[in-house]
N, C-alpha and C. Protein backbone atom coordinates (compact mmCIF):
# COMPACT_ATOMS: atom_id res chain seq x y z
N MET A 1 130.07 38.93 66.39
CA MET A 1 128.91 39.59 66.94
C MET A 1 127.73 39.29 66.03
N GLY A 2 126.69 38.80 66.64
CA GLY A 2 125.54 38.42 65.85
C GLY A 2 124.56 39.56 65.71
N VAL A 3 123.52 39.28 64.94
CA VAL A 3 122.47 40.27 64.69
C VAL A 3 121.74 40.60 65.97
N GLU A 4 121.54 39.58 66.82
CA GLU A 4 120.82 39.82 68.07
C GLU A 4 121.61 40.72 69.00
N GLU A 5 122.97 40.50 69.06
CA GLU A 5 123.80 41.34 69.94
C GLU A 5 123.80 42.79 69.46
N LYS A 6 123.86 42.97 68.15
CA LYS A 6 123.86 44.32 67.59
C LYS A 6 122.53 45.02 67.91
N SER A 7 121.46 44.34 67.77
CA SER A 7 120.16 44.91 68.05
C SER A 7 120.02 45.26 69.52
N LEU A 8 120.53 44.37 70.38
CA LEU A 8 120.49 44.64 71.82
C LEU A 8 121.33 45.86 72.16
N ASP A 9 122.51 45.95 71.54
CA ASP A 9 123.40 47.10 71.76
C ASP A 9 122.72 48.40 71.28
N GLU A 10 122.10 48.36 70.12
CA GLU A 10 121.40 49.54 69.60
C GLU A 10 120.21 49.91 70.49
N LEU A 11 119.55 48.88 70.98
CA LEU A 11 118.41 49.10 71.86
C LEU A 11 118.84 49.79 73.15
N VAL A 12 119.96 49.34 73.73
CA VAL A 12 120.48 49.95 74.96
C VAL A 12 120.89 51.39 74.69
N ARG A 13 121.60 51.63 73.57
CA ARG A 13 122.01 53.00 73.23
C ARG A 13 120.78 53.90 73.02
N GLY A 14 119.78 53.37 72.36
CA GLY A 14 118.55 54.12 72.14
C GLY A 14 117.87 54.50 73.44
N GLU A 15 117.81 53.55 74.38
CA GLU A 15 117.20 53.82 75.69
C GLU A 15 118.02 54.85 76.47
N LEU A 16 119.35 54.73 76.40
CA LEU A 16 120.21 55.72 77.07
C LEU A 16 119.99 57.11 76.47
N GLN A 17 119.86 57.19 75.17
CA GLN A 17 119.63 58.48 74.52
C GLN A 17 118.29 59.07 74.94
N LYS A 18 117.26 58.24 75.06
CA LYS A 18 115.95 58.70 75.50
C LYS A 18 116.04 59.29 76.91
N GLU A 19 116.79 58.61 77.80
CA GLU A 19 116.96 59.11 79.17
C GLU A 19 117.69 60.45 79.17
N LYS A 20 118.74 60.57 78.33
CA LYS A 20 119.46 61.85 78.23
C LYS A 20 118.53 62.95 77.73
N ASP A 21 117.70 62.63 76.74
CA ASP A 21 116.76 63.61 76.19
C ASP A 21 115.74 64.04 77.24
N LYS A 22 115.26 63.08 78.05
CA LYS A 22 114.32 63.40 79.12
C LYS A 22 114.94 64.36 80.12
N ARG A 23 116.17 64.04 80.54
CA ARG A 23 116.87 64.90 81.50
C ARG A 23 117.11 66.29 80.91
N SER A 24 117.47 66.33 79.65
CA SER A 24 117.72 67.61 78.99
C SER A 24 116.43 68.44 78.93
N ARG A 25 115.32 67.80 78.59
CA ARG A 25 114.04 68.51 78.54
C ARG A 25 113.64 69.01 79.93
N ARG A 26 113.85 68.19 80.95
CA ARG A 26 113.53 68.60 82.32
C ARG A 26 114.38 69.79 82.75
N ARG A 27 115.65 69.76 82.37
CA ARG A 27 116.57 70.84 82.71
C ARG A 27 116.11 72.15 82.03
N VAL A 28 115.79 72.06 80.73
CA VAL A 28 115.32 73.23 79.99
C VAL A 28 114.01 73.74 80.58
N LEU A 29 113.11 72.83 80.91
CA LEU A 29 111.84 73.21 81.52
C LEU A 29 112.06 73.88 82.87
N GLY A 30 112.97 73.36 83.67
CA GLY A 30 113.29 73.96 84.97
C GLY A 30 113.88 75.35 84.83
N ILE A 31 114.79 75.51 83.88
CA ILE A 31 115.40 76.83 83.64
C ILE A 31 114.33 77.81 83.16
N THR A 32 113.48 77.36 82.25
CA THR A 32 112.41 78.22 81.74
C THR A 32 111.45 78.63 82.84
N ALA A 33 111.05 77.68 83.67
CA ALA A 33 110.14 77.98 84.78
C ALA A 33 110.79 78.96 85.76
N GLY A 34 112.05 78.76 86.06
CA GLY A 34 112.76 79.68 86.96
C GLY A 34 112.84 81.08 86.39
N ALA A 35 113.14 81.18 85.09
CA ALA A 35 113.22 82.49 84.43
C ALA A 35 111.84 83.17 84.44
N LEU A 36 110.80 82.38 84.21
CA LEU A 36 109.45 82.93 84.21
C LEU A 36 109.07 83.47 85.58
N VAL A 37 109.42 82.77 86.64
CA VAL A 37 109.15 83.23 88.00
C VAL A 37 109.88 84.55 88.26
N VAL A 38 111.12 84.65 87.84
CA VAL A 38 111.90 85.88 88.04
C VAL A 38 111.26 87.03 87.27
N VAL A 39 110.88 86.79 86.02
CA VAL A 39 110.25 87.84 85.21
C VAL A 39 108.95 88.31 85.86
N ILE A 40 108.13 87.38 86.30
CA ILE A 40 106.86 87.75 86.96
C ILE A 40 107.13 88.56 88.22
N ALA A 41 108.11 88.16 89.01
CA ALA A 41 108.44 88.89 90.24
C ALA A 41 108.89 90.31 89.91
N VAL A 42 109.71 90.47 88.88
CA VAL A 42 110.19 91.80 88.49
C VAL A 42 109.02 92.66 88.01
N VAL A 43 108.14 92.08 87.20
CA VAL A 43 106.97 92.83 86.70
C VAL A 43 106.08 93.27 87.85
N VAL A 44 105.85 92.39 88.82
CA VAL A 44 105.02 92.74 89.97
C VAL A 44 105.68 93.86 90.78
N LEU A 45 106.98 93.77 91.02
CA LEU A 45 107.68 94.83 91.76
C LEU A 45 107.61 96.16 91.03
N ILE A 46 107.81 96.13 89.71
CA ILE A 46 107.72 97.37 88.93
C ILE A 46 106.30 97.93 89.01
N ALA A 47 105.30 97.06 88.86
CA ALA A 47 103.91 97.52 88.89
C ALA A 47 103.54 98.11 90.24
N VAL A 48 104.10 97.59 91.31
CA VAL A 48 103.75 98.07 92.64
C VAL A 48 104.54 99.32 93.01
N PHE A 49 105.85 99.33 92.74
CA PHE A 49 106.69 100.40 93.24
C PHE A 49 107.09 101.45 92.21
N VAL A 50 107.13 101.13 90.95
CA VAL A 50 107.62 102.08 89.95
C VAL A 50 106.49 102.58 89.05
N CYS A 51 105.73 101.69 88.47
CA CYS A 51 104.68 102.05 87.52
C CYS A 51 103.37 101.35 87.88
N PRO A 52 102.64 101.86 88.86
CA PRO A 52 101.38 101.21 89.21
C PRO A 52 100.41 101.19 88.02
N VAL A 53 99.70 100.09 87.89
CA VAL A 53 98.67 99.94 86.87
C VAL A 53 97.33 100.10 87.57
N LEU A 54 96.50 101.01 87.07
CA LEU A 54 95.24 101.35 87.73
C LEU A 54 94.07 101.24 86.77
N GLN A 55 92.91 100.82 87.29
CA GLN A 55 91.70 100.80 86.49
C GLN A 55 90.80 101.95 86.93
N ILE A 56 90.33 102.71 85.95
CA ILE A 56 89.48 103.87 86.23
C ILE A 56 88.09 103.39 86.64
N SER A 57 87.58 104.01 87.70
CA SER A 57 86.23 103.72 88.16
C SER A 57 85.53 105.06 88.35
N GLY A 58 84.52 105.31 87.55
CA GLY A 58 83.81 106.58 87.63
C GLY A 58 84.06 107.42 86.39
N ASP A 59 83.39 108.58 86.36
CA ASP A 59 83.50 109.42 85.16
C ASP A 59 83.95 110.85 85.44
N SER A 60 84.63 111.07 86.55
CA SER A 60 85.06 112.43 86.88
C SER A 60 86.18 112.94 85.98
N MET A 61 86.80 112.05 85.19
CA MET A 61 87.87 112.48 84.29
C MET A 61 87.45 112.39 82.82
N GLU A 62 86.15 112.19 82.55
CA GLU A 62 85.65 112.19 81.17
C GLU A 62 86.01 113.51 80.53
N ASP A 63 86.33 113.67 79.38
CA ASP A 63 86.52 112.83 78.24
C ASP A 63 87.96 112.31 78.14
N THR A 64 88.82 112.72 79.05
CA THR A 64 90.22 112.28 79.00
C THR A 64 90.31 110.79 79.30
N LEU A 65 89.70 110.35 80.39
CA LEU A 65 89.72 108.94 80.80
C LEU A 65 88.29 108.51 81.11
N SER A 66 87.98 107.26 80.77
CA SER A 66 86.62 106.76 80.95
C SER A 66 86.58 105.62 81.95
N ASP A 67 85.40 105.39 82.49
CA ASP A 67 85.17 104.27 83.40
C ASP A 67 85.63 102.97 82.73
N GLY A 68 86.47 102.21 83.42
CA GLY A 68 86.96 100.94 82.89
C GLY A 68 88.31 101.03 82.21
N ASP A 69 88.77 102.23 81.86
CA ASP A 69 90.10 102.36 81.26
C ASP A 69 91.16 101.83 82.23
N ILE A 70 92.24 101.31 81.68
CA ILE A 70 93.37 100.87 82.50
C ILE A 70 94.56 101.73 82.11
N VAL A 71 95.18 102.33 83.13
CA VAL A 71 96.28 103.27 82.90
C VAL A 71 97.51 102.89 83.73
N VAL A 72 98.64 103.46 83.32
CA VAL A 72 99.90 103.25 84.02
C VAL A 72 100.35 104.61 84.56
N ALA A 73 100.77 104.62 85.82
CA ALA A 73 101.29 105.84 86.45
C ALA A 73 102.77 105.64 86.74
N ILE A 74 103.50 106.73 86.77
CA ILE A 74 104.93 106.66 87.13
C ILE A 74 105.19 107.59 88.31
N ASN A 75 106.17 107.20 89.12
CA ASN A 75 106.59 108.09 90.20
C ASN A 75 107.21 109.32 89.58
N SER A 76 106.81 110.47 90.03
CA SER A 76 107.35 111.71 89.50
C SER A 76 107.43 112.74 90.61
N LYS A 77 108.60 113.28 90.79
CA LYS A 77 108.80 114.32 91.81
C LYS A 77 108.43 115.69 91.26
N ASN A 78 108.44 115.82 89.93
CA ASN A 78 108.23 117.12 89.29
C ASN A 78 106.84 117.20 88.67
N LEU A 79 105.84 117.42 89.50
CA LEU A 79 104.48 117.56 89.00
C LEU A 79 104.23 119.02 88.64
N LYS A 80 103.45 119.19 87.56
CA LYS A 80 103.14 120.55 87.12
C LYS A 80 101.67 120.63 86.73
N ALA A 81 101.20 121.84 86.56
CA ALA A 81 99.81 122.06 86.15
C ALA A 81 99.58 121.33 84.83
N GLY A 82 98.44 120.64 84.76
CA GLY A 82 98.08 119.88 83.57
C GLY A 82 98.31 118.39 83.71
N ASP A 83 99.17 117.98 84.66
CA ASP A 83 99.43 116.55 84.86
C ASP A 83 98.21 115.88 85.48
N VAL A 84 97.89 114.68 85.00
CA VAL A 84 96.85 113.86 85.62
C VAL A 84 97.57 112.98 86.63
N ILE A 85 97.10 113.01 87.89
CA ILE A 85 97.77 112.25 88.94
C ILE A 85 96.81 111.25 89.60
N ALA A 86 97.40 110.23 90.18
CA ALA A 86 96.67 109.27 91.00
C ALA A 86 97.11 109.50 92.43
N PHE A 87 96.16 109.48 93.36
CA PHE A 87 96.51 109.72 94.76
C PHE A 87 95.56 108.95 95.67
N TYR A 88 96.04 108.72 96.89
CA TYR A 88 95.22 108.04 97.89
C TYR A 88 94.28 109.04 98.54
N TYR A 89 93.03 108.62 98.68
CA TYR A 89 92.05 109.38 99.43
C TYR A 89 91.29 108.36 100.26
N GLY A 90 91.57 108.31 101.55
CA GLY A 90 90.99 107.28 102.40
C GLY A 90 91.46 105.92 101.91
N ASN A 91 90.52 105.01 101.66
CA ASN A 91 90.86 103.68 101.15
C ASN A 91 90.72 103.59 99.65
N GLU A 92 90.63 104.71 98.98
CA GLU A 92 90.45 104.73 97.53
C GLU A 92 91.64 105.38 96.85
N ILE A 93 91.71 105.14 95.55
CA ILE A 93 92.68 105.83 94.70
C ILE A 93 91.86 106.68 93.74
N LEU A 94 92.13 107.97 93.72
CA LEU A 94 91.44 108.90 92.84
C LEU A 94 92.39 109.43 91.78
N LEU A 95 91.82 109.84 90.64
CA LEU A 95 92.59 110.48 89.58
C LEU A 95 91.99 111.85 89.31
N LYS A 96 92.85 112.85 89.29
CA LYS A 96 92.43 114.23 88.99
C LYS A 96 93.57 114.93 88.26
N ARG A 97 93.29 116.13 87.78
CA ARG A 97 94.29 116.90 87.06
C ARG A 97 94.84 118.02 87.96
N VAL A 98 96.15 118.18 87.98
CA VAL A 98 96.78 119.26 88.74
C VAL A 98 96.46 120.58 88.04
N ILE A 99 95.91 121.51 88.82
CA ILE A 99 95.57 122.83 88.30
C ILE A 99 96.55 123.87 88.82
N ALA A 100 96.96 123.72 90.09
CA ALA A 100 97.89 124.68 90.68
C ALA A 100 98.82 123.96 91.65
N THR A 101 100.00 124.51 91.77
CA THR A 101 101.04 123.93 92.62
C THR A 101 101.20 124.76 93.90
N PRO A 102 102.00 124.30 94.85
CA PRO A 102 102.12 125.01 96.14
C PRO A 102 102.40 126.50 95.98
N GLY A 103 101.63 127.29 96.75
CA GLY A 103 101.84 128.74 96.78
C GLY A 103 101.02 129.52 95.76
N GLN A 104 100.50 128.86 94.74
CA GLN A 104 99.74 129.58 93.71
C GLN A 104 98.31 129.89 94.20
N TRP A 105 97.73 130.89 93.56
CA TRP A 105 96.37 131.30 93.88
C TRP A 105 95.43 130.80 92.79
N VAL A 106 94.29 130.20 93.21
CA VAL A 106 93.30 129.67 92.29
C VAL A 106 92.00 130.44 92.46
N ASP A 107 91.37 130.76 91.33
CA ASP A 107 90.05 131.37 91.37
C ASP A 107 89.21 130.72 90.27
N ILE A 108 87.91 130.58 90.51
CA ILE A 108 86.99 130.01 89.53
C ILE A 108 85.77 130.93 89.49
N ASP A 109 85.47 131.47 88.30
CA ASP A 109 84.32 132.39 88.22
C ASP A 109 83.02 131.60 88.10
N GLU A 110 81.90 132.31 88.07
CA GLU A 110 80.58 131.68 88.05
C GLU A 110 80.37 130.81 86.81
N GLU A 111 81.02 131.13 85.69
CA GLU A 111 80.88 130.34 84.45
C GLU A 111 81.79 129.11 84.44
N GLY A 112 82.66 129.00 85.45
CA GLY A 112 83.55 127.85 85.52
C GLY A 112 84.92 128.07 84.93
N ASN A 113 85.23 129.30 84.55
CA ASN A 113 86.57 129.60 84.05
C ASN A 113 87.55 129.60 85.22
N VAL A 114 88.68 128.94 85.02
CA VAL A 114 89.66 128.79 86.09
C VAL A 114 90.82 129.76 85.85
N TYR A 115 91.27 130.38 86.93
CA TYR A 115 92.40 131.31 86.89
C TYR A 115 93.43 130.87 87.91
N VAL A 116 94.69 130.89 87.52
CA VAL A 116 95.78 130.61 88.45
C VAL A 116 96.68 131.83 88.44
N ASP A 117 96.90 132.39 89.62
CA ASP A 117 97.66 133.64 89.76
C ASP A 117 97.11 134.71 88.82
N GLU A 118 95.77 134.82 88.77
CA GLU A 118 95.01 135.79 88.00
C GLU A 118 95.12 135.61 86.48
N GLN A 119 95.74 134.52 86.02
CA GLN A 119 95.84 134.23 84.59
C GLN A 119 94.86 133.12 84.22
N PRO A 120 94.10 133.28 83.11
CA PRO A 120 93.16 132.22 82.71
C PRO A 120 93.91 130.94 82.34
N VAL A 121 93.34 129.80 82.73
CA VAL A 121 93.95 128.51 82.43
C VAL A 121 93.29 127.96 81.16
N GLU A 122 94.10 127.62 80.18
CA GLU A 122 93.60 126.99 78.96
C GLU A 122 93.29 125.54 79.31
N GLU A 123 92.04 125.12 79.09
CA GLU A 123 91.63 123.77 79.44
C GLU A 123 90.91 123.08 78.28
N PRO A 124 91.67 122.66 77.26
CA PRO A 124 91.04 122.00 76.11
C PRO A 124 90.43 120.65 76.46
N TYR A 125 90.79 120.09 77.59
CA TYR A 125 90.30 118.78 78.03
C TYR A 125 88.95 118.87 78.71
N VAL A 126 88.46 120.07 78.99
CA VAL A 126 87.16 120.26 79.65
C VAL A 126 86.11 120.54 78.56
N SER A 127 85.09 119.69 78.49
CA SER A 127 84.06 119.87 77.47
C SER A 127 82.93 120.79 77.95
N GLU A 128 82.72 120.85 79.27
CA GLU A 128 81.65 121.68 79.81
C GLU A 128 82.18 122.44 81.03
N ARG A 129 82.32 123.73 80.88
CA ARG A 129 82.80 124.55 81.99
C ARG A 129 81.67 124.82 82.98
N MET A 130 81.99 124.67 84.25
CA MET A 130 81.04 125.03 85.30
C MET A 130 81.80 125.11 86.62
N ARG A 131 81.29 125.94 87.49
CA ARG A 131 81.93 126.10 88.79
C ARG A 131 81.76 124.83 89.63
N GLY A 132 80.61 124.20 89.51
CA GLY A 132 80.35 122.96 90.23
C GLY A 132 80.25 123.15 91.73
N GLU A 133 80.32 122.05 92.44
CA GLU A 133 80.23 122.03 93.91
C GLU A 133 81.50 122.66 94.49
N CYS A 134 81.34 123.85 95.07
CA CYS A 134 82.52 124.56 95.58
C CYS A 134 82.18 125.15 96.95
N ASP A 135 82.82 124.61 98.00
CA ASP A 135 82.56 125.14 99.34
C ASP A 135 83.81 125.75 99.98
N ILE A 136 84.80 126.09 99.13
CA ILE A 136 85.99 126.79 99.63
C ILE A 136 85.86 128.27 99.27
N GLU A 137 86.56 129.10 100.00
CA GLU A 137 86.53 130.53 99.71
C GLU A 137 87.55 130.84 98.62
N LEU A 138 87.05 131.47 97.56
CA LEU A 138 87.91 131.82 96.42
C LEU A 138 88.17 133.31 96.44
N PRO A 139 89.29 133.79 95.96
CA PRO A 139 90.45 133.02 95.52
C PRO A 139 91.09 132.25 96.68
N TYR A 140 91.74 131.16 96.31
CA TYR A 140 92.26 130.22 97.29
C TYR A 140 93.76 130.02 97.03
N GLN A 141 94.56 130.14 98.10
CA GLN A 141 96.00 129.90 97.94
C GLN A 141 96.32 128.46 98.31
N VAL A 142 97.04 127.78 97.41
CA VAL A 142 97.41 126.38 97.62
C VAL A 142 98.49 126.32 98.70
N PRO A 143 98.25 125.55 99.77
CA PRO A 143 99.25 125.44 100.84
C PRO A 143 100.55 124.78 100.35
N GLU A 144 101.61 125.01 101.09
CA GLU A 144 102.91 124.38 100.78
C GLU A 144 102.77 122.87 100.82
N GLU A 145 103.52 122.19 99.96
CA GLU A 145 103.54 120.72 99.88
C GLU A 145 102.21 120.12 99.45
N LYS A 146 101.33 120.94 98.84
CA LYS A 146 100.03 120.43 98.38
C LYS A 146 99.76 120.88 96.95
N PHE A 147 98.79 120.20 96.32
CA PHE A 147 98.40 120.50 94.94
C PHE A 147 96.90 120.67 94.86
N PHE A 148 96.46 121.66 94.07
CA PHE A 148 95.04 121.88 93.82
C PHE A 148 94.68 121.09 92.57
N VAL A 149 93.70 120.18 92.69
CA VAL A 149 93.33 119.29 91.59
C VAL A 149 91.85 119.42 91.26
N LEU A 150 91.52 119.22 89.98
CA LEU A 150 90.14 119.21 89.52
C LEU A 150 89.95 118.03 88.57
N GLY A 151 88.73 117.49 88.57
CA GLY A 151 88.38 116.49 87.57
C GLY A 151 88.05 117.19 86.27
N ASP A 152 88.21 116.51 85.14
CA ASP A 152 87.90 117.12 83.85
C ASP A 152 86.40 117.24 83.62
N HIS A 153 85.62 116.38 84.24
CA HIS A 153 84.16 116.41 84.13
C HIS A 153 83.63 117.15 85.36
N ARG A 154 83.66 118.45 85.30
CA ARG A 154 83.46 119.31 86.47
C ARG A 154 82.12 119.14 87.14
N SER A 155 81.07 118.77 86.41
CA SER A 155 79.75 118.70 87.03
C SER A 155 79.61 117.51 87.99
N VAL A 156 80.45 116.47 87.85
CA VAL A 156 80.34 115.30 88.71
C VAL A 156 81.55 115.09 89.60
N SER A 157 82.61 115.82 89.35
CA SER A 157 83.85 115.60 90.09
C SER A 157 83.83 116.24 91.48
N VAL A 158 84.25 115.46 92.47
CA VAL A 158 84.48 116.00 93.81
C VAL A 158 86.00 116.10 93.90
N ASP A 159 86.49 117.31 94.14
CA ASP A 159 87.93 117.56 94.04
C ASP A 159 88.34 118.67 95.01
N SER A 160 89.38 119.42 94.69
CA SER A 160 89.88 120.45 95.60
C SER A 160 88.91 121.60 95.82
N ARG A 161 87.85 121.68 95.03
CA ARG A 161 86.80 122.70 95.27
C ARG A 161 86.01 122.37 96.52
N SER A 162 86.12 121.15 96.98
CA SER A 162 85.36 120.69 98.14
C SER A 162 86.28 120.49 99.34
N ARG A 163 85.85 120.94 100.49
CA ARG A 163 86.64 120.73 101.70
C ARG A 163 86.77 119.24 102.03
N ALA A 164 85.83 118.43 101.53
CA ALA A 164 85.88 116.98 101.79
C ALA A 164 87.18 116.37 101.26
N ILE A 165 87.67 116.87 100.14
CA ILE A 165 88.92 116.37 99.58
C ILE A 165 90.03 117.39 99.78
N GLY A 166 89.78 118.62 99.40
CA GLY A 166 90.78 119.68 99.55
C GLY A 166 91.99 119.47 98.66
N CYS A 167 93.06 120.15 99.01
CA CYS A 167 94.30 120.01 98.25
C CYS A 167 94.98 118.70 98.62
N ILE A 168 95.76 118.18 97.69
CA ILE A 168 96.37 116.86 97.85
C ILE A 168 97.81 117.01 98.31
N GLU A 169 98.14 116.33 99.41
CA GLU A 169 99.51 116.35 99.93
C GLU A 169 100.43 115.53 99.04
N LYS A 170 101.67 115.98 98.91
CA LYS A 170 102.66 115.25 98.10
C LYS A 170 102.77 113.79 98.51
N LYS A 171 102.75 113.52 99.81
CA LYS A 171 102.96 112.15 100.29
C LYS A 171 101.80 111.23 99.92
N MET A 172 100.65 111.77 99.54
CA MET A 172 99.50 110.96 99.16
C MET A 172 99.49 110.60 97.67
N ILE A 173 100.37 111.23 96.91
CA ILE A 173 100.39 111.05 95.46
C ILE A 173 101.11 109.76 95.09
N ILE A 174 100.44 108.92 94.31
CA ILE A 174 101.01 107.66 93.82
C ILE A 174 101.91 107.95 92.63
N GLY A 175 101.44 108.77 91.72
CA GLY A 175 102.23 109.09 90.55
C GLY A 175 101.44 109.83 89.49
N LYS A 176 102.14 110.13 88.44
CA LYS A 176 101.58 110.83 87.29
C LYS A 176 101.08 109.78 86.30
N VAL A 177 99.83 109.91 85.87
CA VAL A 177 99.25 108.98 84.90
C VAL A 177 99.78 109.35 83.52
N VAL A 178 100.47 108.39 82.88
CA VAL A 178 101.12 108.72 81.61
C VAL A 178 100.63 107.92 80.41
N PHE A 179 100.08 106.72 80.64
CA PHE A 179 99.77 105.86 79.50
C PHE A 179 98.49 105.06 79.74
N ARG A 180 97.63 105.00 78.73
CA ARG A 180 96.42 104.17 78.79
C ARG A 180 96.73 102.89 78.03
N VAL A 181 96.51 101.73 78.70
CA VAL A 181 96.76 100.44 78.06
C VAL A 181 95.47 99.74 77.64
N TRP A 182 94.33 100.19 78.18
CA TRP A 182 93.05 99.59 77.82
C TRP A 182 91.99 100.66 77.81
N PRO A 183 91.10 100.68 76.86
CA PRO A 183 90.92 99.73 75.78
C PRO A 183 91.99 99.89 74.70
N LEU A 184 92.23 98.82 73.98
CA LEU A 184 93.28 98.82 72.96
C LEU A 184 93.05 99.90 71.92
N SER A 185 91.79 100.20 71.61
CA SER A 185 91.49 101.21 70.59
C SER A 185 91.92 102.62 71.03
N ASP A 186 92.07 102.85 72.33
CA ASP A 186 92.49 104.15 72.85
C ASP A 186 93.88 104.11 73.46
N MET A 187 94.62 103.01 73.24
CA MET A 187 95.95 102.89 73.84
C MET A 187 96.83 104.07 73.40
N GLY A 188 97.55 104.61 74.36
CA GLY A 188 98.46 105.71 74.05
C GLY A 188 98.71 106.57 75.26
N PHE A 189 99.49 107.61 75.05
CA PHE A 189 99.84 108.51 76.13
C PHE A 189 98.63 109.32 76.57
N VAL A 190 98.54 109.57 77.87
CA VAL A 190 97.48 110.41 78.42
C VAL A 190 97.96 111.84 78.27
N ASN A 191 97.17 112.63 77.56
CA ASN A 191 97.59 114.00 77.25
C ASN A 191 97.58 114.89 78.47
N GLU A 192 98.61 115.72 78.52
CA GLU A 192 98.62 116.80 79.51
C GLU A 192 97.82 117.93 78.89
N SER A 193 97.65 118.98 79.66
CA SER A 193 96.88 120.14 79.24
C SER A 193 96.69 120.36 77.78
């Protein structure tokens, strides 16, 4: 076997190895792309059905949540007073705080102090108390299967104090807002009462 035959043999082996490497890289790339598609599909399904991601628009929940914040909500069957919820209202999604649950009585005095079943509600999340726009007759009993909600920024919030929105039906609720993901400086759990 001469030098030329050996070189030709090495050249053929080298080319075969290059082809194997190409196929191996394509296979790894295909597997990676397939896994990425599956992960994206799972994330989208979770975001739509389990943990919707929402961007805040408006300032009715100031100082708890601000315009532009991005939050995550979770499906929750057990809502209670103090929970911040997202719900459908017409073609919009609104965020408000649950103040009273089905069957409870709500009253708001002229200074904006809120009472549920004649007990004062502690509201550390409200910076300015006021009765605001209220066209319902108080005291008001929350109907079955509905929730009485208020925005934290009472002077600008349109909420259950207004007949335009009223109490929120369970079937309209998207979920309980639990976590702020944006802005990064405020990332963390959304506080309840």
